[in-house]
Protein backbone atom coordinates (compact mmCIF):
# COMPACT_ATOMS: atom_id res chain seq x y z
CA UNK A 1 0.00 0.00 0.00
CA UNK A 2 1.39 3.36 -1.05
CA UNK A 3 1.06 6.16 1.51
CA UNK A 4 1.21 9.84 0.58
CA UNK A 5 2.13 12.58 3.04
CA UNK A 6 0.14 15.79 3.30
CA UNK A 7 -0.53 18.49 5.87
CA UNK A 8 -3.79 20.06 6.96
CA UNK A 9 -4.56 22.87 9.36
CA UNK A 10 -7.38 22.31 11.84
CA UNK A 11 -8.10 24.94 14.49
CA UNK A 12 -4.83 26.68 13.60
CA UNK A 13 -2.79 23.54 14.21
CA UNK A 14 -0.85 21.69 11.56
CA UNK A 15 -1.44 17.96 11.29
CA UNK A 16 0.73 15.55 9.29
CA UNK A 17 -1.35 12.92 7.52
CA UNK A 18 -0.50 9.74 5.65
CA UNK A 19 -3.24 8.92 3.16
CA UNK A 20 -3.81 6.08 0.75
CA UNK A 21 -4.67 6.85 -2.86
CA UNK A 22 -8.23 5.65 -2.17
CA UNK A 23 -8.60 8.09 0.74
CA UNK A 24 -7.38 10.94 -1.46
CA UNK A 25 -9.78 9.91 -4.21
CA UNK A 26 -12.72 9.85 -1.77
CA UNK A 27 -11.83 13.26 -0.33
CA UNK A 28 -11.41 14.74 -3.81
CA UNK A 29 -14.82 13.36 -4.75
CA UNK A 30 -16.39 15.09 -1.77
CA UNK A 31 -14.85 18.39 -2.87
CA UNK A 32 -16.67 18.12 -6.21
CA UNK A 33 -20.14 17.81 -4.64
CA UNK A 34 -21.89 21.18 -4.95
CA UNK A 35 -23.46 20.90 -1.47
CA UNK A 36 -19.94 20.76 0.02
CA UNK A 37 -18.79 23.98 -1.66
CA UNK A 38 -19.50 25.91 1.55
CA UNK A 39 -16.63 24.08 3.26
CA UNK A 40 -14.02 25.18 0.71
CA UNK A 41 -12.19 28.39 1.53
CA UNK A 42 -12.19 30.44 -1.69
CA UNK A 43 -9.04 32.29 -0.61
CA UNK A 44 -7.11 28.99 -0.45
CA UNK A 45 -8.91 27.13 -3.20
CA UNK A 46 -7.96 25.99 -6.60
CA UNK A 47 -4.31 27.08 -6.81
CA UNK A 48 -2.83 23.58 -6.85
CA UNK A 49 -3.61 22.75 -10.48
CA UNK A 50 -0.84 23.64 -12.94
CA UNK A 51 -1.65 24.79 -16.46
CA UNK A 52 0.01 21.65 -17.84
CA UNK A 53 -1.57 18.25 -17.38
CA UNK A 54 0.15 16.00 -14.82
CA UNK A 55 2.09 13.00 -16.10
CA UNK A 56 -0.18 10.16 -17.10
CA UNK A 57 -0.35 7.64 -14.30
CA UNK A 58 -2.90 5.32 -12.80
CA UNK A 59 -3.51 7.56 -9.77
CA UNK A 60 -4.41 10.68 -11.80
CA UNK A 61 -6.44 8.69 -14.30
CA UNK A 62 -8.39 7.13 -11.45
CA UNK A 63 -8.99 10.33 -9.48
CA UNK A 64 -10.14 12.19 -12.61
CA UNK A 65 -12.28 9.29 -13.80
CA UNK A 66 -10.27 8.75 -17.01
CA UNK A 67 -8.94 5.27 -16.27
CA UNK A 68 -10.38 2.42 -18.32
CA UNK A 69 -8.37 -0.25 -16.53
CA UNK A 70 -9.50 0.48 -12.96
CA UNK A 71 -11.46 -1.97 -10.88
PDB file of N, CA and C in Angstrom:
ATOM      1  N   UNK A   1       0.844  -1.173   0.000  1.00  0.00           N
ATOM      2  CA  UNK A   1       0.000   0.000   0.000  1.00  0.00           C
ATOM      3  C   UNK A   1       0.890   1.238   0.000  1.00  0.00           C
ATOM      4  N   UNK A   2       0.626   2.122  -0.945  1.00  0.00           N
ATOM      5  CA  UNK A   2       1.387   3.361  -1.052  1.00  0.00           C
ATOM      6  C   UNK A   2       0.734   4.433  -0.178  1.00  0.00           C
ATOM      7  N   UNK A   3       1.543   5.082   0.661  1.00  0.00           N
ATOM      8  CA  UNK A   3       1.058   6.164   1.514  1.00  0.00           C
ATOM      9  C   UNK A   3       1.635   7.480   1.028  1.00  0.00           C
ATOM     10  N   UNK A   4       0.808   8.516   1.053  1.00  0.00           N
ATOM     11  CA  UNK A   4       1.206   9.837   0.578  1.00  0.00           C
ATOM     12  C   UNK A   4       1.062  10.829   1.719  1.00  0.00           C
ATOM     13  N   UNK A   5       2.119  11.611   1.937  1.00  0.00           N
ATOM     14  CA  UNK A   5       2.135  12.578   3.039  1.00  0.00           C
ATOM     15  C   UNK A   5       1.480  13.885   2.607  1.00  0.00           C
ATOM     16  N   UNK A   6       0.709  14.460   3.509  1.00  0.00           N
ATOM     17  CA  UNK A   6       0.142  15.787   3.300  1.00  0.00           C
ATOM     18  C   UNK A   6      -0.006  16.464   4.656  1.00  0.00           C
ATOM     19  N   UNK A   7      -0.296  17.739   4.634  1.00  0.00           N
ATOM     20  CA  UNK A   7      -0.527  18.494   5.866  1.00  0.00           C
ATOM     21  C   UNK A   7      -1.859  19.206   5.761  1.00  0.00           C
ATOM     22  N   UNK A   8      -2.554  19.287   6.879  1.00  0.00           N
ATOM     23  CA  UNK A   8      -3.787  20.063   6.963  1.00  0.00           C
ATOM     24  C   UNK A   8      -3.717  20.918   8.213  1.00  0.00           C
ATOM     25  N   UNK A   9      -4.472  22.005   8.190  1.00  0.00           N
ATOM     26  CA  UNK A   9      -4.557  22.870   9.361  1.00  0.00           C
ATOM     27  C   UNK A   9      -5.973  22.801   9.900  1.00  0.00           C
ATOM     28  N   UNK A  10      -6.091  22.391  11.164  1.00  0.00           N
ATOM     29  CA  UNK A  10      -7.377  22.315  11.842  1.00  0.00           C
ATOM     30  C   UNK A  10      -7.255  23.107  13.130  1.00  0.00           C
ATOM     31  N   UNK A  11      -8.139  24.074  13.309  1.00  0.00           N
ATOM     32  CA  UNK A  11      -8.099  24.944  14.491  1.00  0.00           C
ATOM     33  C   UNK A  11      -6.705  25.534  14.698  1.00  0.00           C
ATOM     34  N   UNK A  12      -6.132  26.021  13.604  1.00  0.00           N
ATOM     35  CA  UNK A  12      -4.827  26.684  13.602  1.00  0.00           C
ATOM     36  C   UNK A  12      -3.664  25.788  14.023  1.00  0.00           C
ATOM     37  N   UNK A  13      -3.866  24.496  13.918  1.00  0.00           N
ATOM     38  CA  UNK A  13      -2.793  23.536  14.210  1.00  0.00           C
ATOM     39  C   UNK A  13      -2.523  22.697  12.979  1.00  0.00           C
ATOM     40  N   UNK A  14      -1.256  22.495  12.703  1.00  0.00           N
ATOM     41  CA  UNK A  14      -0.852  21.691  11.558  1.00  0.00           C
ATOM     42  C   UNK A  14      -0.849  20.208  11.937  1.00  0.00           C
ATOM     43  N   UNK A  15      -1.435  19.408  11.081  1.00  0.00           N
ATOM     44  CA  UNK A  15      -1.435  17.957  11.286  1.00  0.00           C
ATOM     45  C   UNK A  15      -0.775  17.290  10.091  1.00  0.00           C
ATOM     46  N   UNK A  16       0.144  16.369  10.341  1.00  0.00           N
ATOM     47  CA  UNK A  16       0.728  15.554   9.286  1.00  0.00           C
ATOM     48  C   UNK A  16      -0.169  14.344   9.089  1.00  0.00           C
ATOM     49  N   UNK A  17      -0.500  14.057   7.841  1.00  0.00           N
ATOM     50  CA  UNK A  17      -1.346  12.918   7.521  1.00  0.00           C
ATOM     51  C   UNK A  17      -0.657  12.009   6.526  1.00  0.00           C
ATOM     52  N   UNK A  18      -0.913  10.730   6.638  1.00  0.00           N
ATOM     53  CA  UNK A  18      -0.498   9.744   5.650  1.00  0.00           C
ATOM     54  C   UNK A  18      -1.774   9.137   5.086  1.00  0.00           C
ATOM     55  N   UNK A  19      -2.003   9.360   3.804  1.00  0.00           N
ATOM     56  CA  UNK A  19      -3.235   8.921   3.164  1.00  0.00           C
ATOM     57  C   UNK A  19      -2.950   7.907   2.068  1.00  0.00           C
ATOM     58  N   UNK A  20      -3.892   6.999   1.880  1.00  0.00           N
ATOM     59  CA  UNK A  20      -3.814   6.084   0.750  1.00  0.00           C
ATOM     60  C   UNK A  20      -4.382   6.799  -0.473  1.00  0.00           C
ATOM     61  N   UNK A  21      -4.111   6.268  -1.647  1.00  0.00           N
ATOM     62  CA  UNK A  21      -4.665   6.849  -2.862  1.00  0.00           C
ATOM     63  C   UNK A  21      -6.193   6.808  -2.829  1.00  0.00           C
ATOM     64  N   UNK A  22      -6.770   5.769  -2.272  1.00  0.00           N
ATOM     65  CA  UNK A  22      -8.226   5.652  -2.171  1.00  0.00           C
ATOM     66  C   UNK A  22      -8.800   6.736  -1.261  1.00  0.00           C
ATOM     67  N   UNK A  23      -8.137   7.017  -0.151  1.00  0.00           N
ATOM     68  CA  UNK A  23      -8.603   8.094   0.744  1.00  0.00           C
ATOM     69  C   UNK A  23      -8.539   9.455   0.058  1.00  0.00           C
ATOM     70  N   UNK A  24      -7.494   9.683  -0.722  1.00  0.00           N
ATOM     71  CA  UNK A  24      -7.379  10.938  -1.460  1.00  0.00           C
ATOM     72  C   UNK A  24      -8.484  11.027  -2.508  1.00  0.00           C
ATOM     73  N   UNK A  25      -8.735   9.939  -3.190  1.00  0.00           N
ATOM     74  CA  UNK A  25      -9.777   9.907  -4.211  1.00  0.00           C
ATOM     75  C   UNK A  25     -11.148  10.197  -3.601  1.00  0.00           C
ATOM     76  N   UNK A  26     -11.436   9.605  -2.450  1.00  0.00           N
ATOM     77  CA  UNK A  26     -12.717   9.846  -1.775  1.00  0.00           C
ATOM     78  C   UNK A  26     -12.855  11.306  -1.351  1.00  0.00           C
ATOM     79  N   UNK A  27     -11.790  11.864  -0.773  1.00  0.00           N
ATOM     80  CA  UNK A  27     -11.826  13.257  -0.327  1.00  0.00           C
ATOM     81  C   UNK A  27     -11.982  14.206  -1.512  1.00  0.00           C
ATOM     82  N   UNK A  28     -11.289  13.925  -2.614  1.00  0.00           N
ATOM     83  CA  UNK A  28     -11.414  14.744  -3.809  1.00  0.00           C
ATOM     84  C   UNK A  28     -12.843  14.690  -4.341  1.00  0.00           C
ATOM     85  N   UNK A  29     -13.426  13.510  -4.316  1.00  0.00           N
ATOM     86  CA  UNK A  29     -14.822  13.356  -4.754  1.00  0.00           C
ATOM     87  C   UNK A  29     -15.773  14.206  -3.931  1.00  0.00           C
ATOM     88  N   UNK A  30     -15.552  14.244  -2.625  1.00  0.00           N
ATOM     89  CA  UNK A  30     -16.394  15.087  -1.765  1.00  0.00           C
ATOM     90  C   UNK A  30     -16.249  16.560  -2.122  1.00  0.00           C
ATOM     91  N   UNK A  31     -15.060  16.978  -2.537  1.00  0.00           N
ATOM     92  CA  UNK A  31     -14.853  18.387  -2.873  1.00  0.00           C
ATOM     93  C   UNK A  31     -15.592  18.788  -4.147  1.00  0.00           C
ATOM     94  N   UNK A  32     -15.971  17.833  -4.967  1.00  0.00           N
ATOM     95  CA  UNK A  32     -16.669  18.124  -6.213  1.00  0.00           C
ATOM     96  C   UNK A  32     -18.186  18.204  -6.044  1.00  0.00           C
ATOM     97  N   UNK A  33     -18.699  17.784  -4.896  1.00  0.00           N
ATOM     98  CA  UNK A  33     -20.142  17.814  -4.635  1.00  0.00           C
ATOM     99  C   UNK A  33     -20.552  19.250  -4.328  1.00  0.00           C
ATOM    100  N   UNK A  34     -21.518  19.764  -5.075  1.00  0.00           N
ATOM    101  CA  UNK A  34     -21.890  21.180  -4.946  1.00  0.00           C
ATOM    102  C   UNK A  34     -22.362  21.543  -3.539  1.00  0.00           C
ATOM    103  N   UNK A  35     -23.004  20.628  -2.839  1.00  0.00           N
ATOM    104  CA  UNK A  35     -23.458  20.905  -1.473  1.00  0.00           C
ATOM    105  C   UNK A  35     -22.297  21.113  -0.502  1.00  0.00           C
ATOM    106  N   UNK A  36     -21.120  20.624  -0.844  1.00  0.00           N
ATOM    107  CA  UNK A  36     -19.944  20.761   0.023  1.00  0.00           C
ATOM    108  C   UNK A  36     -19.139  22.019  -0.271  1.00  0.00           C
ATOM    109  N   UNK A  37     -19.538  22.783  -1.266  1.00  0.00           N
ATOM    110  CA  UNK A  37     -18.792  23.983  -1.664  1.00  0.00           C
ATOM    111  C   UNK A  37     -18.606  24.955  -0.498  1.00  0.00           C
ATOM    112  N   UNK A  38     -19.570  24.998   0.411  1.00  0.00           N
ATOM    113  CA  UNK A  38     -19.505  25.911   1.554  1.00  0.00           C
ATOM    114  C   UNK A  38     -18.309  25.642   2.457  1.00  0.00           C
ATOM    115  N   UNK A  39     -17.752  24.443   2.402  1.00  0.00           N
ATOM    116  CA  UNK A  39     -16.627  24.083   3.262  1.00  0.00           C
ATOM    117  C   UNK A  39     -15.270  24.436   2.651  1.00  0.00           C
ATOM    118  N   UNK A  40     -15.268  24.867   1.399  1.00  0.00           N
ATOM    119  CA  UNK A  40     -14.020  25.176   0.708  1.00  0.00           C
ATOM    120  C   UNK A  40     -13.744  26.668   0.812  1.00  0.00           C
ATOM    121  N   UNK A  41     -12.601  27.002   1.352  1.00  0.00           N
ATOM    122  CA  UNK A  41     -12.189  28.392   1.527  1.00  0.00           C
ATOM    123  C   UNK A  41     -11.737  28.946   0.180  1.00  0.00           C
ATOM    124  N   UNK A  42     -12.502  29.892  -0.370  1.00  0.00           N
ATOM    125  CA  UNK A  42     -12.185  30.443  -1.686  1.00  0.00           C
ATOM    126  C   UNK A  42     -10.829  31.134  -1.734  1.00  0.00           C
ATOM    127  N   UNK A  43     -10.346  31.618  -0.607  1.00  0.00           N
ATOM    128  CA  UNK A  43      -9.043  32.292  -0.615  1.00  0.00           C
ATOM    129  C   UNK A  43      -7.889  31.290  -0.704  1.00  0.00           C
ATOM    130  N   UNK A  44      -8.152  30.019  -0.399  1.00  0.00           N
ATOM    131  CA  UNK A  44      -7.113  28.992  -0.449  1.00  0.00           C
ATOM    132  C   UNK A  44      -7.403  27.934  -1.504  1.00  0.00           C
ATOM    133  N   UNK A  45      -8.452  28.142  -2.250  1.00  0.00           N
ATOM    134  CA  UNK A  45      -8.915  27.125  -3.200  1.00  0.00           C
ATOM    135  C   UNK A  45      -8.269  27.261  -4.570  1.00  0.00           C
ATOM    136  N   UNK A  46      -8.143  26.124  -5.150  1.00  0.00           N
ATOM    137  CA  UNK A  46      -7.955  25.995  -6.599  1.00  0.00           C
ATOM    138  C   UNK A  46      -6.638  26.549  -7.127  1.00  0.00           C
ATOM    139  N   UNK A  47      -5.608  26.614  -6.317  1.00  0.00           N
ATOM    140  CA  UNK A  47      -4.312  27.079  -6.810  1.00  0.00           C
ATOM    141  C   UNK A  47      -3.323  25.935  -6.987  1.00  0.00           C
ATOM    142  N   UNK A  48      -3.767  24.701  -6.778  1.00  0.00           N
ATOM    143  CA  UNK A  48      -2.833  23.584  -6.850  1.00  0.00           C
ATOM    144  C   UNK A  48      -2.798  22.916  -8.222  1.00  0.00           C
ATOM    145  N   UNK A  49      -3.616  23.364  -9.163  1.00  0.00           N
ATOM    146  CA  UNK A  49      -3.609  22.755 -10.484  1.00  0.00           C
ATOM    147  C   UNK A  49      -2.726  23.552 -11.430  1.00  0.00           C
ATOM    148  N   UNK A  50      -1.688  22.936 -11.973  1.00  0.00           N
ATOM    149  CA  UNK A  50      -0.843  23.640 -12.943  1.00  0.00           C
ATOM    150  C   UNK A  50      -1.568  23.777 -14.280  1.00  0.00           C
ATOM    151  N   UNK A  51      -1.040  24.617 -15.145  1.00  0.00           N
ATOM    152  CA  UNK A  51      -1.647  24.786 -16.463  1.00  0.00           C
ATOM    153  C   UNK A  51      -1.362  23.600 -17.372  1.00  0.00           C
ATOM    154  N   UNK A  52      -0.301  22.852 -17.074  1.00  0.00           N
ATOM    155  CA  UNK A  52       0.007  21.653 -17.842  1.00  0.00           C
ATOM    156  C   UNK A  52      -0.584  20.442 -17.147  1.00  0.00           C
ATOM    157  N   UNK A  53      -1.019  19.473 -17.945  1.00  0.00           N
ATOM    158  CA  UNK A  53      -1.567  18.247 -17.379  1.00  0.00           C
ATOM    159  C   UNK A  53      -0.478  17.494 -16.615  1.00  0.00           C
ATOM    160  N   UNK A  54      -0.845  16.809 -15.525  1.00  0.00           N
ATOM    161  CA  UNK A  54       0.148  15.998 -14.816  1.00  0.00           C
ATOM    162  C   UNK A  54       0.548  14.797 -15.665  1.00  0.00           C
ATOM    163  N   UNK A  55       1.688  14.186 -15.343  1.00  0.00           N
ATOM    164  CA  UNK A  55       2.093  13.003 -16.100  1.00  0.00           C
ATOM    165  C   UNK A  55       1.022  11.925 -16.004  1.00  0.00           C
ATOM    166  N   UNK A  56       0.839  11.207 -17.088  1.00  0.00           N
ATOM    167  CA  UNK A  56      -0.178  10.160 -17.104  1.00  0.00           C
ATOM    168  C   UNK A  56       0.243   9.037 -16.160  1.00  0.00           C
ATOM    169  N   UNK A  57      -0.621   8.742 -15.225  1.00  0.00           N
ATOM    170  CA  UNK A  57      -0.352   7.641 -14.302  1.00  0.00           C
ATOM    171  C   UNK A  57      -1.674   7.112 -13.780  1.00  0.00           C
ATOM    172  N   UNK A  58      -1.664   5.955 -13.235  1.00  0.00           N
ATOM    173  CA  UNK A  58      -2.903   5.324 -12.804  1.00  0.00           C
ATOM    174  C   UNK A  58      -3.621   6.132 -11.721  1.00  0.00           C
ATOM    175  N   UNK A  59      -2.873   6.779 -10.824  1.00  0.00           N
ATOM    176  CA  UNK A  59      -3.513   7.562  -9.772  1.00  0.00           C
ATOM    177  C   UNK A  59      -4.320   8.711 -10.356  1.00  0.00           C
ATOM    178  N   UNK A  60      -3.705   9.516 -11.244  1.00  0.00           N
ATOM    179  CA  UNK A  60      -4.410  10.676 -11.804  1.00  0.00           C
ATOM    180  C   UNK A  60      -5.551  10.238 -12.713  1.00  0.00           C
ATOM    181  N   UNK A  61      -5.347   9.189 -13.468  1.00  0.00           N
ATOM    182  CA  UNK A  61      -6.442   8.694 -14.296  1.00  0.00           C
ATOM    183  C   UNK A  61      -7.620   8.266 -13.426  1.00  0.00           C
ATOM    184  N   UNK A  62      -7.329   7.603 -12.335  1.00  0.00           N
ATOM    185  CA  UNK A  62      -8.389   7.130 -11.446  1.00  0.00           C
ATOM    186  C   UNK A  62      -9.105   8.293 -10.780  1.00  0.00           C
ATOM    187  N   UNK A  63      -8.372   9.242 -10.212  1.00  0.00           N
ATOM    188  CA  UNK A  63      -8.988  10.332  -9.478  1.00  0.00           C
ATOM    189  C   UNK A  63      -9.813  11.237 -10.396  1.00  0.00           C
ATOM    190  N   UNK A  64      -9.403  11.357 -11.656  1.00  0.00           N
ATOM    191  CA  UNK A  64     -10.135  12.194 -12.607  1.00  0.00           C
ATOM    192  C   UNK A  64     -11.155  11.410 -13.425  1.00  0.00           C
ATOM    193  N   UNK A  65     -11.279  10.120 -13.124  1.00  0.00           N
ATOM    194  CA  UNK A  65     -12.283   9.291 -13.800  1.00  0.00           C
ATOM    195  C   UNK A  65     -11.961   8.973 -15.255  1.00  0.00           C
ATOM    196  N   UNK A  66     -10.679   8.995 -15.615  1.00  0.00           N
ATOM    197  CA  UNK A  66     -10.272   8.746 -17.006  1.00  0.00           C
ATOM    198  C   UNK A  66      -9.653   7.378 -17.203  1.00  0.00           C
ATOM    199  N   UNK A  67      -9.624   6.558 -16.180  1.00  0.00           N
ATOM    200  CA  UNK A  67      -8.939   5.272 -16.270  1.00  0.00           C
ATOM    201  C   UNK A  67      -9.914   4.204 -16.747  1.00  0.00           C
ATOM    202  N   UNK A  68      -9.540   3.493 -17.798  1.00  0.00           N
ATOM    203  CA  UNK A  68     -10.381   2.419 -18.321  1.00  0.00           C
ATOM    204  C   UNK A  68      -9.990   1.062 -17.757  1.00  0.00           C
ATOM    205  N   UNK A  69      -8.874   1.017 -17.039  1.00  0.00           N
ATOM    206  CA  UNK A  69      -8.371  -0.253 -16.532  1.00  0.00           C
ATOM    207  C   UNK A  69      -8.580  -0.397 -15.025  1.00  0.00           C
ATOM    208  N   UNK A  70      -9.296   0.531 -14.416  1.00  0.00           N
ATOM    209  CA  UNK A  70      -9.503   0.476 -12.959  1.00  0.00           C
ATOM    210  C   UNK A  70     -10.542  -0.581 -12.621  1.00  0.00           C
ATOM    211  N   UNK A  71     -10.503  -0.980 -11.365  1.00  0.00           N
ATOM    212  CA  UNK A  71     -11.461  -1.971 -10.884  1.00  0.00           C
ATOM    213  C   UNK A  71     -12.838  -1.374 -10.810  1.00  0.00           C
TER     214      UNK A  71
END
